[in-house]
N, C-alpha and C. Protein backbone atom coordinates (compact mmCIF):
# COMPACT_ATOMS: atom_id res chain seq x y z
N MET A 1 0.82 -0.95 -0.16
CA MET A 1 0.01 0.27 -0.27
C MET A 1 1.03 1.48 -0.16
N ILE A 2 0.22 2.61 -0.61
CA ILE A 2 1.19 3.61 -1.02
C ILE A 2 0.53 4.84 0.21
N TRP A 3 0.78 5.24 0.62
CA TRP A 3 0.74 6.47 1.29
C TRP A 3 0.77 7.25 0.29
N LEU A 4 -0.40 8.07 -0.21
CA LEU A 4 -0.17 8.97 -1.37
C LEU A 4 -0.04 10.70 -0.22
N SER A 5 -1.10 10.49 0.33
CA SER A 5 -0.56 11.80 1.65
C SER A 5 1.13 11.87 1.85
N ILE A 6 1.53 11.21 2.03
CA ILE A 6 3.00 11.81 2.13
C ILE A 6 3.35 11.79 0.75
N VAL A 7 3.48 11.47 -0.14
CA VAL A 7 4.01 11.67 -1.50
C VAL A 7 3.60 13.19 -1.71
N ILE A 8 2.25 13.37 -1.05
CA ILE A 8 2.00 14.69 -1.80
C ILE A 8 2.10 15.65 -0.79
N ASP A 9 2.38 15.36 0.36
CA ASP A 9 2.99 16.72 1.12
C ASP A 9 4.55 16.91 0.89
N THR A 10 5.48 15.79 0.61
CA THR A 10 6.62 16.00 0.32
C THR A 10 6.80 16.57 -1.02
N ALA A 11 5.96 16.35 -2.20
CA ALA A 11 6.07 16.88 -3.23
C ALA A 11 5.64 19.08 -3.10
N CYS A 12 4.98 18.94 -1.79
CA CYS A 12 4.58 19.89 -2.10
C CYS A 12 5.45 20.84 -1.20
N THR A 13 6.23 20.11 -0.79
CA THR A 13 7.75 20.65 0.31
C THR A 13 8.53 21.28 -1.03
N LYS A 14 8.92 20.48 -1.41
CA LYS A 14 9.60 20.41 -2.86
C LYS A 14 9.25 21.49 -3.99
N ILE A 15 8.49 21.60 -4.46
CA ILE A 15 7.41 22.65 -5.04
C ILE A 15 7.61 24.16 -4.71
N TRP A 16 7.18 23.83 -3.74
CA TRP A 16 7.59 25.09 -2.80
C TRP A 16 8.86 25.90 -2.75
N ASP A 17 9.42 24.72 -2.45
CA ASP A 17 11.31 24.95 -2.53
C ASP A 17 11.85 25.80 -3.86
N ALA A 18 11.18 24.93 -4.52
CA ALA A 18 11.75 25.21 -6.29
C ALA A 18 11.38 26.58 -6.16
N TRP A 19 9.91 27.14 -5.99
CA TRP A 19 9.43 28.29 -6.39
C TRP A 19 10.21 29.42 -5.47
N GLY A 20 10.60 29.10 -4.44
CA GLY A 20 10.79 30.15 -3.74
C GLY A 20 12.28 30.65 -4.09
N SER A 21 12.92 29.40 -4.84
CA SER A 21 14.45 29.82 -5.76
C SER A 21 13.72 30.49 -7.54
N GLY A 22 12.97 30.47 -7.06
CA GLY A 22 12.37 31.65 -8.84
C GLY A 22 12.63 30.63 -9.75
N ALA A 23 12.17 29.10 -9.80
CA ALA A 23 12.40 27.79 -10.76
C ALA A 23 10.49 27.64 -10.99
N ARG A 24 10.35 27.32 -11.99
CA ARG A 24 9.53 26.94 -12.43
C ARG A 24 9.46 25.48 -12.77
N VAL A 25 8.23 24.78 -12.08
CA VAL A 25 8.44 23.34 -12.22
C VAL A 25 7.40 22.95 -13.23
N THR A 26 7.57 21.78 -13.56
CA THR A 26 7.13 21.73 -14.81
C THR A 26 6.20 19.86 -14.80
N SER A 27 7.03 19.60 -13.59
CA SER A 27 6.15 17.58 -13.61
C SER A 27 7.31 17.68 -12.60
N LEU A 28 6.54 16.18 -12.16
CA LEU A 28 7.22 15.45 -10.89
C LEU A 28 7.45 13.92 -11.46
N ARG A 29 8.80 13.36 -10.64
CA ARG A 29 9.38 12.64 -10.99
C ARG A 29 9.05 11.71 -9.86
N VAL A 30 8.26 10.10 -10.28
CA VAL A 30 7.62 9.58 -9.10
C VAL A 30 8.06 8.00 -9.36
N SER A 31 8.45 7.14 -8.22
CA SER A 31 8.39 5.95 -8.38
C SER A 31 7.45 5.21 -8.64
N PRO A 32 7.94 3.85 -9.74
CA PRO A 32 6.87 3.52 -10.70
C PRO A 32 5.43 2.94 -9.77
N ALA A 33 5.96 2.89 -8.02
CA ALA A 33 4.55 2.13 -7.49
C ALA A 33 4.07 3.49 -7.28
N VAL A 34 4.27 4.54 -7.44
CA VAL A 34 3.18 5.83 -7.22
C VAL A 34 2.96 5.96 -8.50
N TYR A 35 3.17 5.90 -9.39
CA TYR A 35 2.48 6.39 -10.50
C TYR A 35 1.64 5.11 -10.98
N ALA A 36 1.85 4.09 -10.49
CA ALA A 36 0.68 2.91 -10.58
C ALA A 36 -0.27 3.38 -9.68
N ALA A 37 -0.23 3.53 -8.19
CA ALA A 37 -1.22 4.32 -7.42
C ALA A 37 -2.02 5.23 -8.02
N VAL A 38 -1.53 5.96 -8.50
CA VAL A 38 -2.32 7.03 -9.33
C VAL A 38 -2.86 6.65 -10.55
N ALA A 39 -2.27 5.67 -11.39
CA ALA A 39 -3.03 5.01 -12.29
C ALA A 39 -4.31 4.20 -11.78
N ALA A 40 -4.10 3.66 -10.70
CA ALA A 40 -5.54 3.10 -10.17
C ALA A 40 -6.01 3.63 -10.19
N ALA A 41 -6.07 4.87 -9.33
CA ALA A 41 -7.06 5.85 -8.50
C ALA A 41 -7.93 6.80 -10.04
N ARG A 42 -7.02 6.77 -10.99
CA ARG A 42 -7.64 7.45 -11.91
C ARG A 42 -7.75 6.35 -13.58
N PRO A 43 -8.54 5.29 -13.17
CA PRO A 43 -8.99 4.55 -14.79
C PRO A 43 -9.29 5.31 -15.62
N GLY A 44 -10.46 6.21 -15.38
CA GLY A 44 -10.78 7.26 -16.62
C GLY A 44 -9.66 7.72 -17.35
N GLU A 45 -8.81 8.34 -16.99
CA GLU A 45 -7.76 9.14 -17.37
C GLU A 45 -6.79 7.82 -18.04
N VAL A 46 -6.57 7.18 -17.59
CA VAL A 46 -5.68 6.17 -18.28
C VAL A 46 -6.32 5.78 -19.44
N ALA A 47 -7.69 5.15 -19.20
CA ALA A 47 -8.80 4.87 -20.49
C ALA A 47 -8.45 5.72 -22.01
N ARG A 48 -8.44 7.03 -21.62
CA ARG A 48 -8.49 7.67 -22.38
C ARG A 48 -7.12 8.34 -22.40
N ASP A 49 -6.15 7.56 -22.21
CA ASP A 49 -4.68 7.95 -22.84
C ASP A 49 -4.03 9.46 -22.77
N TYR A 50 -4.71 10.03 -21.41
CA TYR A 50 -4.28 11.25 -20.85
C TYR A 50 -2.99 11.00 -20.15
N PRO A 51 -2.23 12.45 -20.22
CA PRO A 51 -1.23 11.99 -19.16
C PRO A 51 -1.79 12.15 -17.54
N LEU A 52 -1.13 11.53 -16.37
CA LEU A 52 -1.65 11.34 -15.26
C LEU A 52 -0.89 12.71 -14.78
N MET A 53 -1.67 13.44 -13.76
CA MET A 53 -0.87 14.42 -13.13
C MET A 53 -1.61 14.22 -11.77
N LEU A 54 -0.82 14.97 -10.78
CA LEU A 54 -0.64 14.85 -9.53
C LEU A 54 -0.40 16.79 -9.11
N LEU A 55 -1.38 17.53 -8.83
CA LEU A 55 -0.89 18.61 -8.09
C LEU A 55 -0.84 19.67 -9.63
N GLY A 56 -1.43 19.03 -10.11
CA GLY A 56 -1.51 19.91 -11.66
C GLY A 56 0.03 19.96 -12.41
N LEU A 57 0.57 19.01 -11.90
CA LEU A 57 1.83 18.29 -13.03
C LEU A 57 2.01 17.00 -13.38
N GLN A 58 2.33 16.87 -14.58
CA GLN A 58 2.16 15.58 -15.40
C GLN A 58 3.36 14.69 -14.03
N LEU A 59 2.81 13.04 -14.22
CA LEU A 59 3.67 12.75 -13.81
C LEU A 59 4.64 11.64 -14.08
N ILE A 60 5.74 11.46 -13.85
CA ILE A 60 7.00 10.71 -14.70
C ILE A 60 6.94 9.55 -14.18
N ALA A 61 6.91 8.41 -14.10
CA ALA A 61 7.86 7.45 -13.73
C ALA A 61 8.88 7.03 -13.65
N ASP A 62 9.70 7.01 -12.95
CA ASP A 62 11.41 7.08 -12.99
C ASP A 62 11.54 6.37 -11.46
N PRO A 63 12.27 5.20 -11.85
CA PRO A 63 12.88 3.87 -10.84
C PRO A 63 13.81 4.07 -10.47
N GLU A 64 14.37 5.37 -10.87
CA GLU A 64 15.33 5.72 -9.66
C GLU A 64 15.34 6.81 -8.19
N VAL A 65 13.44 7.09 -8.35
CA VAL A 65 12.91 7.75 -7.45
C VAL A 65 12.39 6.81 -6.64
N ALA A 66 12.99 7.16 -4.92
CA ALA A 66 12.41 6.67 -4.13
C ALA A 66 10.83 6.57 -4.00
N THR A 67 10.36 5.66 -3.61
CA THR A 67 8.37 5.82 -2.99
C THR A 67 8.07 7.23 -2.15
N TYR A 68 8.77 7.65 -1.50
CA TYR A 68 8.00 8.79 -0.54
C TYR A 68 8.85 9.85 -0.89
N ASP A 69 10.02 9.71 -1.92
CA ASP A 69 10.68 10.91 -2.62
C ASP A 69 10.65 11.84 -3.77
N PRO A 70 9.66 12.29 -4.02
CA PRO A 70 9.31 12.49 -5.61
C PRO A 70 9.92 13.83 -5.66
N VAL A 71 10.38 13.97 -7.29
CA VAL A 71 11.29 15.15 -7.84
C VAL A 71 10.86 15.90 -8.57
N ALA A 72 10.38 17.30 -8.34
CA ALA A 72 10.37 18.32 -8.73
C ALA A 72 11.16 18.87 -9.87
N VAL A 73 10.92 18.49 -11.01
CA VAL A 73 11.37 19.30 -12.37
C VAL A 73 11.28 20.59 -12.64
N CYS A 74 12.17 21.25 -12.63
CA CYS A 74 12.18 22.64 -13.15
C CYS A 74 12.25 22.84 -14.46
N ASP A 75 12.33 23.80 -14.74
CA ASP A 75 12.29 24.53 -15.92
C ASP A 75 13.72 25.30 -16.28
N PRO A 76 14.60 24.88 -17.26
CA PRO A 76 14.29 24.05 -18.40
C PRO A 76 15.02 23.16 -18.10
N VAL A 77 15.96 22.80 -17.29
CA VAL A 77 16.90 21.39 -16.74
C VAL A 77 17.20 21.14 -15.25
N ALA A 78 17.01 22.30 -14.51
CA ALA A 78 16.92 22.04 -12.98
C ALA A 78 16.21 21.42 -12.14
N VAL A 79 16.76 20.54 -11.17
CA VAL A 79 15.69 19.44 -10.62
C VAL A 79 15.91 19.88 -9.08
N TRP A 80 15.24 19.87 -8.44
CA TRP A 80 14.91 20.20 -6.77
C TRP A 80 14.55 19.01 -6.13
N ARG A 81 16.28 18.69 -5.73
CA ARG A 81 15.66 17.51 -4.26
C ARG A 81 15.38 17.64 -2.97
């Protein structure tokens, strides 16, 4: 079981920190387990082949990302860990 509230809380902190440094956050890299949990919660989006979104940002499954440590991807290539 994935505790999405922990993922969301951590993501919000990282997004806020990135904004504070003047960065523009464009997406979130998450573990494949988190991506699968969001996909399971949004079967309609998956069926319509829409990108999965969380907090208004597109999710990108990344096996290098720990389950409860999402990565805010910033424009153009800056990453806030």
